[in-house]
Protein backbone atom coordinates (compact mmCIF):
# COMPACT_ATOMS: atom_id res chain seq x y z
CA MET A 1 0.02 -0.12 0.13
CA ASP A 2 1.27 3.56 -0.75
CA ILE A 3 0.92 5.07 2.68
CA GLY A 4 1.93 8.41 1.35
CA THR A 5 -1.38 8.94 -0.54
CA LEU A 6 -3.42 8.00 2.35
CA ILE A 7 -1.53 10.18 4.72
CA GLY A 8 -1.47 13.06 2.42
CA LEU A 9 -5.27 13.06 1.96
CA LEU A 10 -5.64 12.66 5.81
CA ILE A 11 -3.52 15.54 6.50
CA ALA A 12 -5.26 17.75 3.92
CA PHE A 13 -8.89 16.90 5.09
CA GLY A 14 -7.61 17.03 8.77
CA MET A 15 -6.29 20.62 8.32
CA VAL A 16 -9.49 21.68 6.63
CA ILE A 17 -11.73 20.01 9.26
CA GLY A 18 -9.56 21.28 12.09
CA SER A 19 -9.82 24.78 10.78
CA MET A 20 -13.72 24.37 10.90
CA LEU A 21 -13.62 23.02 14.45
CA VAL A 22 -11.59 25.99 15.71
CA GLY A 23 -14.06 28.25 13.85
CA ALA A 24 -17.83 27.69 13.73
CA GLY A 25 -17.67 24.02 13.84
CA VAL A 26 -18.25 21.39 11.26
CA GLY A 27 -22.07 21.41 11.38
CA PRO A 28 -22.61 24.69 9.39
CA TYR A 29 -20.73 23.05 6.51
CA LEU A 30 -22.80 20.06 6.23
CA ASP A 31 -25.72 21.08 3.92
CA PHE A 32 -27.75 18.30 2.19
CA PRO A 33 -29.12 20.49 -0.59
CA SER A 34 -25.55 21.43 -1.42
CA PHE A 35 -24.56 17.89 -1.43
CA LEU A 36 -27.34 16.85 -3.64
CA ILE A 37 -26.51 19.60 -6.19
CA THR A 38 -22.70 19.20 -6.21
CA VAL A 39 -21.91 15.57 -5.45
CA GLY A 40 -25.19 14.06 -6.95
CA GLY A 41 -25.26 16.32 -9.89
CA THR A 42 -21.56 15.49 -10.69
CA VAL A 43 -22.00 11.80 -10.43
CA GLY A 44 -25.05 12.14 -12.75
CA ILE A 45 -23.13 14.20 -15.30
CA ILE A 46 -20.33 11.59 -15.24
CA MET A 47 -22.72 8.82 -15.80
CA ALA A 48 -24.30 10.76 -18.71
CA GLY A 49 -20.95 11.64 -20.35
CA MET A 50 -19.03 8.25 -19.91
CA PRO A 51 -19.83 4.65 -20.92
CA ILE A 52 -20.38 2.58 -17.68
CA ASN A 53 -17.47 0.29 -18.41
CA LYS A 54 -15.21 3.38 -18.57
CA MET A 55 -16.64 4.66 -15.24
CA VAL A 56 -15.96 1.12 -13.71
CA ALA A 57 -12.49 1.29 -15.04
CA GLY A 58 -12.09 4.76 -13.62
CA VAL A 59 -13.17 3.54 -10.23
CA LYS A 60 -10.77 0.72 -10.30
CA ALA A 61 -7.92 3.06 -11.50
CA MET A 62 -8.54 5.21 -8.40
CA THR A 63 -7.51 2.31 -6.14
CA ARG A 64 -4.07 2.16 -7.88
CA ALA A 65 -3.22 5.54 -6.31
CA PHE A 66 -3.22 3.66 -3.00
CA VAL A 67 -1.17 0.72 -4.07
CA SER A 68 2.61 0.78 -4.34
CA SER A 69 4.42 -1.02 -7.26
CA SER A 70 5.07 -4.67 -6.29
CA SER A 71 8.49 -4.69 -8.06
CA SER A 72 11.43 -2.06 -8.35
CA ALA A 73 13.42 -1.48 -11.34
CA GLN A 74 16.63 -2.81 -9.53
CA THR A 75 14.88 -6.19 -8.57
CA LEU A 76 13.61 -6.41 -12.35
CA ILE A 77 17.07 -5.82 -13.59
CA GLU A 78 18.57 -8.56 -11.46
CA GLN A 79 15.90 -11.08 -12.69
CA LEU A 80 16.67 -10.21 -16.29
CA VAL A 81 20.31 -10.61 -15.79
CA ASP A 82 19.65 -13.93 -14.21
CA PHE A 83 17.62 -14.88 -17.25
CA ALA A 84 20.58 -13.91 -19.34
CA ILE A 85 23.02 -16.13 -17.42
CA LYS A 86 20.84 -19.02 -17.80
CA ALA A 87 20.09 -18.48 -21.49
CA ARG A 88 23.90 -18.03 -22.02
CA ARG A 89 24.59 -21.21 -20.16
CA ASP A 90 21.71 -23.51 -21.04
CA GLY A 91 20.24 -22.02 -24.16
CA ILE A 92 17.38 -19.67 -24.55
CA LEU A 93 14.95 -22.63 -24.54
CA SER A 94 15.81 -23.06 -20.83
CA LEU A 95 13.84 -19.95 -20.05
CA GLU A 96 10.59 -21.78 -20.78
CA SER A 97 10.77 -23.23 -17.27
CA GLU A 98 11.01 -19.78 -15.70
CA GLU A 99 7.59 -18.70 -16.95
CA GLU A 100 5.78 -19.92 -13.87
CA ASN A 101 7.97 -17.63 -11.88
CA MET A 102 7.06 -14.48 -13.88
CA GLU A 103 4.24 -12.53 -12.41
CA ASP A 104 4.11 -9.89 -15.15
CA ASP A 105 2.26 -10.83 -18.25
CA PHE A 106 4.21 -8.41 -20.30
CA LEU A 107 7.61 -10.09 -19.33
CA LYS A 108 6.08 -13.61 -19.74
CA LYS A 109 4.78 -12.79 -23.35
CA GLY A 110 8.09 -11.35 -24.34
CA ILE A 111 10.11 -14.37 -22.97
CA ARG A 112 7.75 -16.73 -24.61
CA LEU A 113 8.11 -14.93 -28.02
CA ALA A 114 11.94 -15.15 -27.65
CA VAL A 115 11.84 -18.78 -26.60
CA ASP A 116 9.57 -19.57 -29.65
CA GLY A 117 12.28 -18.14 -31.91
CA THR A 118 10.23 -15.22 -33.25
CA GLU A 119 12.06 -12.58 -35.13
CA PRO A 120 13.53 -9.70 -33.16
CA ASP A 121 11.75 -7.10 -35.26
CA VAL A 122 8.36 -8.88 -34.71
CA ILE A 123 9.02 -9.10 -30.89
CA ARG A 124 9.77 -5.46 -30.69
CA VAL A 125 6.75 -4.49 -32.72
CA ILE A 126 4.41 -6.70 -30.59
CA LEU A 127 5.86 -5.47 -27.15
CA GLU A 128 5.98 -1.75 -28.21
CA LYS A 129 2.28 -2.10 -29.28
CA GLU A 130 1.55 -3.49 -25.85
CA LEU A 131 3.38 -0.57 -24.26
CA GLU A 132 1.24 1.98 -26.36
CA SER A 133 -2.03 0.10 -25.58
CA MET A 134 -1.21 0.19 -21.84
CA ALA A 135 -0.46 3.96 -21.91
CA GLU A 136 -3.85 4.35 -23.69
CA ARG A 137 -5.66 2.39 -21.06
CA HIS A 138 -4.17 4.39 -18.31
CA GLU A 139 -5.20 7.56 -20.00
CA GLN A 140 -8.62 6.34 -20.39
CA SER A 141 -8.83 5.04 -16.80
CA ALA A 142 -7.97 8.42 -15.45
CA GLY A 143 -10.55 10.16 -17.57
CA MET A 144 -13.29 9.79 -14.99
CA LEU A 145 -11.05 11.80 -12.45
CA SER A 146 -10.44 14.48 -15.03
CA PHE A 147 -14.15 14.63 -15.56
CA LEU A 148 -14.63 14.84 -11.90
CA GLU A 149 -11.97 17.65 -11.55
CA ASP A 150 -13.85 19.60 -14.23
CA MET A 151 -17.53 18.89 -13.27
CA GLY A 152 -17.18 19.30 -9.50
CA PRO A 153 -16.52 23.14 -9.68
CA ALA A 154 -19.05 23.49 -12.47
CA MET A 155 -21.78 21.85 -10.46
CA GLY A 156 -20.74 23.92 -7.47
CA MET A 157 -21.19 27.05 -9.56
CA ILE A 158 -24.56 25.83 -10.70
CA GLY A 159 -25.37 25.45 -6.89
CA THR A 160 -24.17 28.93 -6.25
CA LEU A 161 -26.45 30.49 -8.73
CA ILE A 162 -29.35 28.45 -7.53
CA GLY A 163 -28.66 29.66 -3.96
CA LEU A 164 -28.29 33.31 -5.19
CA VAL A 165 -31.60 33.21 -6.98
CA ALA A 166 -33.30 31.81 -4.02
CA MET A 167 -31.72 34.53 -1.83
CA LEU A 168 -32.75 37.34 -4.06
CA LEU A 169 -36.26 36.14 -4.27
CA ASN A 170 -36.53 36.19 -0.57
CA LEU A 171 -34.82 39.34 0.46
CA SER A 172 -37.76 40.52 2.29
CA ASP A 173 -37.78 37.44 4.47
CA PRO A 174 -34.62 37.60 6.57
CA THR A 175 -35.04 33.93 7.70
CA ALA A 176 -34.85 32.76 4.06
CA VAL A 177 -31.57 34.62 3.16
CA GLY A 178 -29.46 32.55 5.46
CA PRO A 179 -30.31 29.07 4.06
CA ALA A 180 -30.08 30.33 0.42
CA MET A 181 -26.70 31.93 0.98
CA SER A 182 -25.59 28.71 2.65
CA VAL A 183 -26.41 26.77 -0.45
CA ALA A 184 -24.70 29.45 -2.61
CA LEU A 185 -21.41 29.05 -0.87
CA ILE A 186 -21.27 25.68 0.44
CA THR A 187 -21.90 24.16 -3.10
CA THR A 188 -18.73 26.11 -4.27
CA MET A 189 -16.69 24.75 -1.53
CA TYR A 190 -17.99 21.02 -2.10
CA GLY A 191 -17.00 21.43 -5.79
CA SER A 192 -13.62 22.79 -4.96
CA VAL A 193 -13.05 20.07 -2.60
CA MET A 194 -13.89 17.33 -5.08
CA ALA A 195 -11.62 18.92 -7.73
CA ASN A 196 -8.63 19.92 -5.65
CA MET A 197 -8.59 17.61 -2.71
CA ILE A 198 -9.73 14.34 -4.37
CA ALA A 199 -9.50 14.43 -8.21
CA LYS A 200 -6.18 16.41 -8.70
CA PRO A 201 -3.89 14.57 -6.29
CA LEU A 202 -5.26 11.08 -7.57
CA ILE A 203 -4.76 12.22 -11.12
CA VAL A 204 -1.14 13.29 -10.41
CA LYS A 205 -0.49 10.03 -8.45
CA LEU A 206 -1.84 7.86 -11.10
CA ALA A 207 0.25 9.64 -13.75
CA ALA A 208 3.18 8.88 -11.76
CA ARG A 209 2.20 5.27 -11.45
CA SER A 210 1.82 5.06 -15.10
CA VAL A 211 5.34 6.42 -15.61
CA GLU A 212 6.76 3.96 -13.19
CA GLU A 213 5.01 1.05 -14.99
CA GLN A 214 5.94 2.22 -18.55
CA GLN A 215 9.59 2.44 -17.26
CA LEU A 216 9.58 -1.17 -15.98
CA LYS A 217 7.93 -2.43 -19.26
CA THR A 218 10.56 -0.55 -21.20
CA ILE A 219 13.31 -2.23 -19.06
CA MET A 220 11.66 -5.58 -19.76
CA LEU A 221 11.61 -4.90 -23.59
CA ALA A 222 15.30 -3.90 -23.63
CA GLY A 223 16.27 -6.92 -21.47
CA ILE A 224 14.27 -9.49 -23.66
CA MET A 225 15.71 -8.04 -26.69
CA ALA A 226 19.23 -8.35 -25.32
CA ILE A 227 18.60 -11.83 -24.23
CA GLN A 228 17.10 -12.81 -27.57
CA ALA A 229 20.23 -11.44 -29.25
CA GLY A 230 22.39 -13.62 -27.16
CA ASP A 231 24.15 -10.74 -25.45
CA ASN A 232 26.76 -11.41 -22.68
CA PRO A 233 25.05 -11.13 -19.28
CA ARG A 234 27.44 -8.31 -18.34
CA ILE A 235 26.53 -6.44 -21.33
CA VAL A 236 22.72 -7.12 -20.62
CA GLU A 237 23.30 -5.69 -17.18
CA GLN A 238 24.96 -2.59 -18.52
CA LYS A 239 22.30 -2.00 -21.02
CA LEU A 240 19.61 -2.27 -18.39
CA ASN A 241 21.54 -0.13 -15.77
CA VAL A 242 21.20 2.98 -17.94
CA PHE A 243 17.63 3.29 -16.91
CA LEU A 244 18.54 3.71 -13.29
CA GLU A 245 20.11 6.78 -11.58
CA PRO A 246 23.95 6.25 -11.21
CA LYS A 247 23.72 5.82 -7.36
CA LEU A 248 21.13 3.09 -7.80
CA ARG A 249 23.23 0.91 -10.16
CA LYS A 250 24.70 -2.25 -8.93
CA SER A 251 26.41 -5.15 -10.60
CA GLN A 252 25.96 -9.01 -9.91
CA PHE A 253 29.41 -9.53 -11.26
CA ASP A 254 31.58 -7.33 -8.91
């Protein structure tokens, strides 16, 4: 689990709620009509504007912001160098027995193609297309959050206009001005909270996750192509270490 995402959100919401408690308390900021307009309206707009399967994918994508990557680039490079050593010693066909130890489908597919004797150019085209498709899926999955970022404030503004109209219609009744003004202001707050305290940080974190995964897949592609070409394991390691910062580079042959 990525504890940073959770702690960051808790700190942000904690500071906001804490400031409310120090002031007028949380109660005045809880307004059901404002909630219906902003949150309910935003959900309805998202449902109207996106296919259901894209919404489901978006909800699933949100959970990725709270999950750390299960593997690191250093660990992956060590695994690929081990594969290169085994292929150099026992032949590339020996890697077929390693498939059951591969958790990543991209790596498994690439090794299987290499073991099957597929032409290098064909392997590269297939795996690069996989990379492109993965990037497109990530972008589409984050689409719901981008929609939320846009529509939250928009629905908040609609709620503000509704509240202002109600207030202007009841200026002669002082008891009605307060509730109407409450709706006008709180809907704006709710929309801003959804956009800037929920959608935006998750979009940024998912973008970082996507970059990390694409880097890992790029390392896999480079390693598979080097193994398929029969490169010396030391050369394979040097080729893959260029993806790491100098201070993170290690050698299994030192």
